[in-house]
């Protein structure tokens, strides 16, 4: 049976999650290129014990307070800026092994953590970015997933160009693996076709796409994020695949 790949550009467009036996997805991939899912991937690659995601700051504070102080970091971002008093914002280049190794990161961002909450009931939940797009596609294939939802985070409910770029990148990798293995993948909705078109348009200039996007313009307007852009635009530079080990808790597979 072909793998069915659908794209939902924001968490608000995601249908109600049904069990796979009732037609729901057996896998979901959440994307927030600028910058939550890129930061999650680099955090786990550099040794974080886990990243626990929260849409609500009060719930983050309660969970972090119950964790040993020497083993926790709080990462918070609103409007592209680090929340005052938090250890980290939402920058992948701020993540170093010395800072995060062995620690749990309690994280809340403007958009990405909302998308994670929207699909937390899906049996297999992964996060993807441009740096790990082939690793994610390979993991989906090896687990023999049949219905895959890719969910973009957008910006406060609106469409985002950069998330569609990465969704198309993941789907393109899945299609290539399917062709090589003679078990074809199939695009299941129009939004996924559009995301593939975005990827084909910008695949040779991913950083240019991120900078052209409205959120890229927003980040450039609030400070120098050149290093973040370069990091978030790098394609296939990571092998790490974050997965939901328990509701809201992402670990490295």
C-alpha atoms as a PDB file:
ATOM      1  CA  UNK A   1       0.000   0.000   0.000  1.00  0.00           C
ATOM      2  CA  UNK A   2       1.415   3.464  -0.900  1.00  0.00           C
ATOM      3  CA  UNK A   3       2.358   5.832   1.901  1.00  0.00           C
ATOM      4  CA  UNK A   4      -0.213   8.656   1.958  1.00  0.00           C
ATOM      5  CA  UNK A   5       1.368  12.062   2.688  1.00  0.00           C
ATOM      6  CA  UNK A   6      -0.773  15.072   3.620  1.00  0.00           C
ATOM      7  CA  UNK A   7       0.270  18.581   4.629  1.00  0.00           C
ATOM      8  CA  UNK A   8      -1.534  20.943   6.988  1.00  0.00           C
ATOM      9  CA  UNK A   9       0.034  24.386   6.953  1.00  0.00           C
ATOM     10  CA  UNK A  10      -0.963  25.417  10.492  1.00  0.00           C
ATOM     11  CA  UNK A  11      -2.141  23.686  13.653  1.00  0.00           C
ATOM     12  CA  UNK A  12      -5.560  25.320  13.163  1.00  0.00           C
ATOM     13  CA  UNK A  13      -6.128  23.363   9.921  1.00  0.00           C
ATOM     14  CA  UNK A  14      -5.366  19.943  11.430  1.00  0.00           C
ATOM     15  CA  UNK A  15      -8.444  17.685  11.511  1.00  0.00           C
ATOM     16  CA  UNK A  16      -9.491  15.876  14.664  1.00  0.00           C
ATOM     17  CA  UNK A  17      -7.054  13.036  15.293  1.00  0.00           C
ATOM     18  CA  UNK A  18      -8.720   9.647  14.924  1.00  0.00           C
ATOM     19  CA  UNK A  19      -7.098   6.265  15.607  1.00  0.00           C
ATOM     20  CA  UNK A  20      -5.451   4.658  12.540  1.00  0.00           C
ATOM     21  CA  UNK A  21      -8.138   1.948  12.622  1.00  0.00           C
ATOM     22  CA  UNK A  22     -10.725   4.692  11.972  1.00  0.00           C
ATOM     23  CA  UNK A  23      -8.781   6.397   9.168  1.00  0.00           C
ATOM     24  CA  UNK A  24      -6.494   8.599  11.262  1.00  0.00           C
ATOM     25  CA  UNK A  25      -2.750   8.948  10.737  1.00  0.00           C
ATOM     26  CA  UNK A  26      -0.246   6.512  12.146  1.00  0.00           C
ATOM     27  CA  UNK A  27       2.474   9.188  12.024  1.00  0.00           C
ATOM     28  CA  UNK A  28       2.689  12.964  12.270  1.00  0.00           C
ATOM     29  CA  UNK A  29       5.657  15.236  11.567  1.00  0.00           C
ATOM     30  CA  UNK A  30       5.665  18.705  13.111  1.00  0.00           C
ATOM     31  CA  UNK A  31       7.710  21.452  11.453  1.00  0.00           C
ATOM     32  CA  UNK A  32       8.678  24.904  12.699  1.00  0.00           C
ATOM     33  CA  UNK A  33      11.779  25.802  10.708  1.00  0.00           C
ATOM     34  CA  UNK A  34      12.260  29.257  12.256  1.00  0.00           C
ATOM     35  CA  UNK A  35      13.071  27.990  14.764  1.00  0.00           C
ATOM     36  CA  UNK A  36      11.526  25.552  17.255  1.00  0.00           C
ATOM     37  CA  UNK A  37      11.971  22.195  15.527  1.00  0.00           C
ATOM     38  CA  UNK A  38      15.473  23.152  14.410  1.00  0.00           C
ATOM     39  CA  UNK A  39      16.320  24.044  18.019  1.00  0.00           C
ATOM     40  CA  UNK A  40      14.790  20.775  19.276  1.00  0.00           C
ATOM     41  CA  UNK A  41      16.896  18.730  16.843  1.00  0.00           C
ATOM     42  CA  UNK A  42      20.130  20.485  17.785  1.00  0.00           C
ATOM     43  CA  UNK A  43      19.324  20.254  21.503  1.00  0.00           C
ATOM     44  CA  UNK A  44      18.952  16.486  21.346  1.00  0.00           C
ATOM     45  CA  UNK A  45      21.917  16.081  19.010  1.00  0.00           C
ATOM     46  CA  UNK A  46      24.072  17.975  21.520  1.00  0.00           C
ATOM     47  CA  UNK A  47      23.097  15.816  24.445  1.00  0.00           C
ATOM     48  CA  UNK A  48      19.907  17.134  26.047  1.00  0.00           C
ATOM     49  CA  UNK A  49      18.087  14.378  27.944  1.00  0.00           C
ATOM     50  CA  UNK A  50      14.758  15.508  26.455  1.00  0.00           C
ATOM     51  CA  UNK A  51      12.833  18.556  25.310  1.00  0.00           C
ATOM     52  CA  UNK A  52       9.450  18.931  26.976  1.00  0.00           C
ATOM     53  CA  UNK A  53       7.160  21.244  25.019  1.00  0.00           C
ATOM     54  CA  UNK A  54       4.435  23.502  26.382  1.00  0.00           C
ATOM     55  CA  UNK A  55       2.020  25.873  24.702  1.00  0.00           C
ATOM     56  CA  UNK A  56       1.163  27.369  28.101  1.00  0.00           C
ATOM     57  CA  UNK A  57       3.856  29.111  30.156  1.00  0.00           C
ATOM     58  CA  UNK A  58       2.214  28.467  33.512  1.00  0.00           C
ATOM     59  CA  UNK A  59       2.267  24.711  32.842  1.00  0.00           C
ATOM     60  CA  UNK A  60       5.914  24.969  31.807  1.00  0.00           C
ATOM     61  CA  UNK A  61       6.780  26.743  35.042  1.00  0.00           C
ATOM     62  CA  UNK A  62       5.001  24.121  37.145  1.00  0.00           C
ATOM     63  CA  UNK A  63       6.717  21.214  35.384  1.00  0.00           C
ATOM     64  CA  UNK A  64      10.143  22.840  35.480  1.00  0.00           C
ATOM     65  CA  UNK A  65       9.784  23.605  39.190  1.00  0.00           C
ATOM     66  CA  UNK A  66       9.223  19.916  39.882  1.00  0.00           C
ATOM     67  CA  UNK A  67      12.469  18.963  38.103  1.00  0.00           C
ATOM     68  CA  UNK A  68      15.885  19.084  39.822  1.00  0.00           C
ATOM     69  CA  UNK A  69      17.339  22.579  39.341  1.00  0.00           C
ATOM     70  CA  UNK A  70      20.748  21.286  38.242  1.00  0.00           C
ATOM     71  CA  UNK A  71      19.152  19.166  35.488  1.00  0.00           C
ATOM     72  CA  UNK A  72      16.767  21.636  33.870  1.00  0.00           C
ATOM     73  CA  UNK A  73      16.791  24.588  31.501  1.00  0.00           C
ATOM     74  CA  UNK A  74      13.855  26.799  30.558  1.00  0.00           C
ATOM     75  CA  UNK A  75      13.628  27.867  26.919  1.00  0.00           C
ATOM     76  CA  UNK A  76      10.995  30.460  26.104  1.00  0.00           C
ATOM     77  CA  UNK A  77      10.288  32.652  23.098  1.00  0.00           C
ATOM     78  CA  UNK A  78       7.516  35.034  22.189  1.00  0.00           C
ATOM     79  CA  UNK A  79       7.508  37.189  19.074  1.00  0.00           C
ATOM     80  CA  UNK A  80      10.974  35.961  18.110  1.00  0.00           C
ATOM     81  CA  UNK A  81      12.566  37.130  21.382  1.00  0.00           C
ATOM     82  CA  UNK A  82      13.723  35.222  24.451  1.00  0.00           C
ATOM     83  CA  UNK A  83      11.396  35.521  27.434  1.00  0.00           C
ATOM     84  CA  UNK A  84      13.005  37.529  30.228  1.00  0.00           C
ATOM     85  CA  UNK A  85      14.536  35.341  32.919  1.00  0.00           C
ATOM     86  CA  UNK A  86      14.671  32.175  30.805  1.00  0.00           C
ATOM     87  CA  UNK A  87      17.917  30.288  30.215  1.00  0.00           C
ATOM     88  CA  UNK A  88      17.394  30.034  26.460  1.00  0.00           C
ATOM     89  CA  UNK A  89      15.290  31.548  23.747  1.00  0.00           C
ATOM     90  CA  UNK A  90      14.630  29.737  20.476  1.00  0.00           C
ATOM     91  CA  UNK A  91      18.018  29.828  18.760  1.00  0.00           C
ATOM     92  CA  UNK A  92      19.679  26.586  17.597  1.00  0.00           C
ATOM     93  CA  UNK A  93      23.120  28.220  17.583  1.00  0.00           C
ATOM     94  CA  UNK A  94      22.823  29.010  21.304  1.00  0.00           C
ATOM     95  CA  UNK A  95      22.731  25.273  22.024  1.00  0.00           C
ATOM     96  CA  UNK A  96      26.097  23.861  23.103  1.00  0.00           C
ATOM     97  CA  UNK A  97      26.937  20.442  24.573  1.00  0.00           C
ATOM     98  CA  UNK A  98      28.390  22.140  27.655  1.00  0.00           C
ATOM     99  CA  UNK A  99      25.091  23.911  28.305  1.00  0.00           C
ATOM    100  CA  UNK A 100      22.515  21.206  27.566  1.00  0.00           C
ATOM    101  CA  UNK A 101      24.187  17.817  28.018  1.00  0.00           C
ATOM    102  CA  UNK A 102      22.125  15.584  30.326  1.00  0.00           C
ATOM    103  CA  UNK A 103      19.511  18.267  30.971  1.00  0.00           C
ATOM    104  CA  UNK A 104      15.820  18.452  30.237  1.00  0.00           C
ATOM    105  CA  UNK A 105      14.792  21.566  28.323  1.00  0.00           C
ATOM    106  CA  UNK A 106      11.340  22.902  29.209  1.00  0.00           C
ATOM    107  CA  UNK A 107      10.357  24.777  26.056  1.00  0.00           C
ATOM    108  CA  UNK A 108       7.591  27.088  24.898  1.00  0.00           C
ATOM    109  CA  UNK A 109       7.566  29.033  21.640  1.00  0.00           C
ATOM    110  CA  UNK A 110       5.114  31.234  19.783  1.00  0.00           C
ATOM    111  CA  UNK A 111       4.048  28.648  17.219  1.00  0.00           C
ATOM    112  CA  UNK A 112       5.814  25.270  17.226  1.00  0.00           C
ATOM    113  CA  UNK A 113       4.659  24.037  20.601  1.00  0.00           C
ATOM    114  CA  UNK A 114       1.039  24.626  19.585  1.00  0.00           C
ATOM    115  CA  UNK A 115       1.440  22.304  16.599  1.00  0.00           C
ATOM    116  CA  UNK A 116       2.943  19.617  18.802  1.00  0.00           C
ATOM    117  CA  UNK A 117      -0.104  19.832  21.052  1.00  0.00           C
ATOM    118  CA  UNK A 118      -2.475  19.505  18.077  1.00  0.00           C
ATOM    119  CA  UNK A 119      -1.155  16.056  17.083  1.00  0.00           C
ATOM    120  CA  UNK A 120       0.117  14.666  20.383  1.00  0.00           C
ATOM    121  CA  UNK A 121      -2.414  11.805  20.152  1.00  0.00           C
ATOM    122  CA  UNK A 122      -0.924  10.397  16.911  1.00  0.00           C
ATOM    123  CA  UNK A 123       0.838   7.050  17.592  1.00  0.00           C
ATOM    124  CA  UNK A 124       4.178   8.184  16.138  1.00  0.00           C
ATOM    125  CA  UNK A 125       5.040  11.883  16.458  1.00  0.00           C
ATOM    126  CA  UNK A 126       8.310  13.206  15.035  1.00  0.00           C
ATOM    127  CA  UNK A 127       9.681  16.700  14.510  1.00  0.00           C
ATOM    128  CA  UNK A 128      11.495  17.767  11.368  1.00  0.00           C
ATOM    129  CA  UNK A 129      13.530  20.642  10.032  1.00  0.00           C
ATOM    130  CA  UNK A 130      15.721  21.080   6.967  1.00  0.00           C
ATOM    131  CA  UNK A 131      18.841  19.708   8.719  1.00  0.00           C
ATOM    132  CA  UNK A 132      17.190  16.333   9.481  1.00  0.00           C
ATOM    133  CA  UNK A 133      14.644  16.021   6.668  1.00  0.00           C
ATOM    134  CA  UNK A 134      16.131  12.852   5.099  1.00  0.00           C
ATOM    135  CA  UNK A 135      16.678  11.243   8.504  1.00  0.00           C
ATOM    136  CA  UNK A 136      12.993  11.824   9.323  1.00  0.00           C
ATOM    137  CA  UNK A 137      11.839  10.460   5.959  1.00  0.00           C
ATOM    138  CA  UNK A 138      14.017   7.372   6.410  1.00  0.00           C
ATOM    139  CA  UNK A 139      12.631   6.794   9.904  1.00  0.00           C
ATOM    140  CA  UNK A 140       9.041   7.003   8.636  1.00  0.00           C
ATOM    141  CA  UNK A 141       9.841   4.512   5.910  1.00  0.00           C
ATOM    142  CA  UNK A 142      11.628   2.064   8.183  1.00  0.00           C
ATOM    143  CA  UNK A 143       8.654   2.116  10.574  1.00  0.00           C
ATOM    144  CA  UNK A 144       6.375   1.290   7.594  1.00  0.00           C
ATOM    145  CA  UNK A 145       4.038   4.214   8.237  1.00  0.00           C
ATOM    146  CA  UNK A 146       1.022   4.269   5.937  1.00  0.00           C
ATOM    147  CA  UNK A 147      -0.663   7.623   6.618  1.00  0.00           C
ATOM    148  CA  UNK A 148       1.626  10.555   7.367  1.00  0.00           C
ATOM    149  CA  UNK A 149       0.484  14.023   8.326  1.00  0.00           C
ATOM    150  CA  UNK A 150       3.046  16.797   8.036  1.00  0.00           C
ATOM    151  CA  UNK A 151       2.025  19.802  10.135  1.00  0.00           C
ATOM    152  CA  UNK A 152       3.473  23.268   9.695  1.00  0.00           C
ATOM    153  CA  UNK A 153       3.409  25.729  12.568  1.00  0.00           C
ATOM    154  CA  UNK A 154       2.927  28.964  10.666  1.00  0.00           C
ATOM    155  CA  UNK A 155       2.867  32.270  12.506  1.00  0.00           C
ATOM    156  CA  UNK A 156       0.036  32.815  14.980  1.00  0.00           C
ATOM    157  CA  UNK A 157      -2.364  30.820  12.821  1.00  0.00           C
ATOM    158  CA  UNK A 158      -1.210  32.186   9.462  1.00  0.00           C
ATOM    159  CA  UNK A 159       0.571  30.382   6.637  1.00  0.00           C
ATOM    160  CA  UNK A 160       4.379  30.386   6.573  1.00  0.00           C
ATOM    161  CA  UNK A 161       6.574  29.908   3.512  1.00  0.00           C
ATOM    162  CA  UNK A 162       9.500  28.344   5.380  1.00  0.00           C
ATOM    163  CA  UNK A 163       7.438  25.548   6.926  1.00  0.00           C
ATOM    164  CA  UNK A 164       6.032  24.655   3.518  1.00  0.00           C
ATOM    165  CA  UNK A 165       9.597  24.538   2.199  1.00  0.00           C
ATOM    166  CA  UNK A 166      10.571  21.970   4.828  1.00  0.00           C
ATOM    167  CA  UNK A 167       7.335  19.999   4.412  1.00  0.00           C
ATOM    168  CA  UNK A 168       8.097  19.726   0.718  1.00  0.00           C
ATOM    169  CA  UNK A 169      11.665  18.702   1.534  1.00  0.00           C
ATOM    170  CA  UNK A 170      10.497  15.844   3.776  1.00  0.00           C
ATOM    171  CA  UNK A 171       7.901  14.710   1.230  1.00  0.00           C
ATOM    172  CA  UNK A 172      10.470  14.844  -1.580  1.00  0.00           C
ATOM    173  CA  UNK A 173      12.771  12.578   0.443  1.00  0.00           C
ATOM    174  CA  UNK A 174       9.896  10.166   1.115  1.00  0.00           C
ATOM    175  CA  UNK A 175       8.984  10.065  -2.567  1.00  0.00           C
ATOM    176  CA  UNK A 176      12.606   9.342  -3.498  1.00  0.00           C
ATOM    177  CA  UNK A 177      12.875   6.513  -0.957  1.00  0.00           C
ATOM    178  CA  UNK A 178       9.588   5.089  -2.221  1.00  0.00           C
ATOM    179  CA  UNK A 179      10.746   5.134  -5.826  1.00  0.00           C
ATOM    180  CA  UNK A 180      13.987   3.381  -4.915  1.00  0.00           C
ATOM    181  CA  UNK A 181      12.224   0.727  -2.822  1.00  0.00           C
ATOM    182  CA  UNK A 182       9.383   0.100  -5.297  1.00  0.00           C
ATOM    183  CA  UNK A 183       6.800   0.907  -2.631  1.00  0.00           C
ATOM    184  CA  UNK A 184       5.495   4.217  -3.905  1.00  0.00           C
ATOM    185  CA  UNK A 185       4.506   7.179  -1.769  1.00  0.00           C
ATOM    186  CA  UNK A 186       1.459   9.222  -2.743  1.00  0.00           C
ATOM    187  CA  UNK A 187       0.622  12.880  -2.240  1.00  0.00           C
ATOM    188  CA  UNK A 188      -2.780  12.967  -0.556  1.00  0.00           C
ATOM    189  CA  UNK A 189      -3.856  16.628  -0.610  1.00  0.00           C
ATOM    190  CA  UNK A 190      -3.395  19.818  -2.602  1.00  0.00           C
ATOM    191  CA  UNK A 191      -1.455  21.532   0.182  1.00  0.00           C
ATOM    192  CA  UNK A 192       1.236  18.866  -0.100  1.00  0.00           C
ATOM    193  CA  UNK A 193       1.564  19.474  -3.840  1.00  0.00           C
ATOM    194  CA  UNK A 194       2.039  23.189  -3.140  1.00  0.00           C
ATOM    195  CA  UNK A 195       4.696  22.445  -0.505  1.00  0.00           C
ATOM    196  CA  UNK A 196       6.554  20.255  -3.007  1.00  0.00           C
ATOM    197  CA  UNK A 197       6.437  23.101  -5.531  1.00  0.00           C
ATOM    198  CA  UNK A 198       7.917  25.473  -2.931  1.00  0.00           C
ATOM    199  CA  UNK A 199      10.722  22.979  -2.256  1.00  0.00           C
ATOM    200  CA  UNK A 200      11.504  22.547  -5.953  1.00  0.00           C
ATOM    201  CA  UNK A 201      11.570  26.323  -6.399  1.00  0.00           C
ATOM    202  CA  UNK A 202      13.930  27.000  -3.470  1.00  0.00           C
ATOM    203  CA  UNK A 203      15.909  23.771  -2.952  1.00  0.00           C
ATOM    204  CA  UNK A 204      19.121  25.381  -4.196  1.00  0.00           C
ATOM    205  CA  UNK A 205      18.672  28.525  -2.086  1.00  0.00           C
ATOM    206  CA  UNK A 206      17.023  27.476   1.167  1.00  0.00           C
ATOM    207  CA  UNK A 207      18.460  30.384   3.124  1.00  0.00           C
ATOM    208  CA  UNK A 208      17.105  32.782   0.523  1.00  0.00           C
ATOM    209  CA  UNK A 209      13.661  31.286   1.070  1.00  0.00           C
ATOM    210  CA  UNK A 210      13.913  31.660   4.848  1.00  0.00           C
ATOM    211  CA  UNK A 211      14.961  35.280   4.501  1.00  0.00           C
ATOM    212  CA  UNK A 212      12.205  36.038   1.969  1.00  0.00           C
ATOM    213  CA  UNK A 213       9.511  34.563   4.236  1.00  0.00           C
ATOM    214  CA  UNK A 214       7.516  36.971   6.375  1.00  0.00           C
ATOM    215  CA  UNK A 215       8.852  35.443   9.595  1.00  0.00           C
ATOM    216  CA  UNK A 216      12.381  35.680   8.240  1.00  0.00           C
ATOM    217  CA  UNK A 217      11.757  39.358   7.606  1.00  0.00           C
ATOM    218  CA  UNK A 218      10.424  39.664  11.160  1.00  0.00           C
ATOM    219  CA  UNK A 219      13.572  38.094  12.629  1.00  0.00           C
ATOM    220  CA  UNK A 220      15.827  40.360  10.568  1.00  0.00           C
ATOM    221  CA  UNK A 221      13.877  43.313  11.877  1.00  0.00           C
ATOM    222  CA  UNK A 222      14.552  42.504  15.533  1.00  0.00           C
ATOM    223  CA  UNK A 223      18.273  41.745  15.352  1.00  0.00           C
ATOM    224  CA  UNK A 224      21.177  39.944  13.710  1.00  0.00           C
ATOM    225  CA  UNK A 225      20.109  36.341  13.149  1.00  0.00           C
ATOM    226  CA  UNK A 226      22.570  35.460  10.373  1.00  0.00           C
ATOM    227  CA  UNK A 227      23.907  32.425  12.236  1.00  0.00           C
ATOM    228  CA  UNK A 228      20.379  31.163  12.906  1.00  0.00           C
ATOM    229  CA  UNK A 229      19.434  31.520   9.248  1.00  0.00           C
ATOM    230  CA  UNK A 230      22.503  29.556   8.138  1.00  0.00           C
ATOM    231  CA  UNK A 231      21.831  26.829  10.696  1.00  0.00           C
ATOM    232  CA  UNK A 232      18.118  26.515   9.940  1.00  0.00           C
ATOM    233  CA  UNK A 233      18.758  26.472   6.166  1.00  0.00           C
ATOM    234  CA  UNK A 234      21.337  23.665   6.201  1.00  0.00           C
ATOM    235  CA  UNK A 235      19.913  20.580   4.494  1.00  0.00           C
ATOM    236  CA  UNK A 236      20.687  17.049   5.715  1.00  0.00           C
ATOM    237  CA  UNK A 237      23.304  18.114   8.252  1.00  0.00           C
ATOM    238  CA  UNK A 238      21.778  16.072  11.122  1.00  0.00           C
ATOM    239  CA  UNK A 239      20.910  12.399  11.593  1.00  0.00           C
ATOM    240  CA  UNK A 240      18.929  12.933  14.796  1.00  0.00           C
ATOM    241  CA  UNK A 241      15.181  12.202  14.724  1.00  0.00           C
ATOM    242  CA  UNK A 242      13.236  13.651  17.686  1.00  0.00           C
ATOM    243  CA  UNK A 243      10.198  11.564  18.642  1.00  0.00           C
ATOM    244  CA  UNK A 244       7.481  11.906  21.261  1.00  0.00           C
ATOM    245  CA  UNK A 245       8.399   9.424  23.993  1.00  0.00           C
ATOM    246  CA  UNK A 246       5.429  10.469  26.133  1.00  0.00           C
ATOM    247  CA  UNK A 247       2.898  13.287  25.685  1.00  0.00           C
ATOM    248  CA  UNK A 248       4.822  16.508  25.102  1.00  0.00           C
ATOM    249  CA  UNK A 249       8.249  14.933  25.746  1.00  0.00           C
ATOM    250  CA  UNK A 250      10.645  14.649  22.807  1.00  0.00           C
ATOM    251  CA  UNK A 251      13.700  12.420  22.864  1.00  0.00           C
ATOM    252  CA  UNK A 252      16.294  11.307  20.326  1.00  0.00           C
ATOM    253  CA  UNK A 253      15.552   8.092  18.483  1.00  0.00           C
END
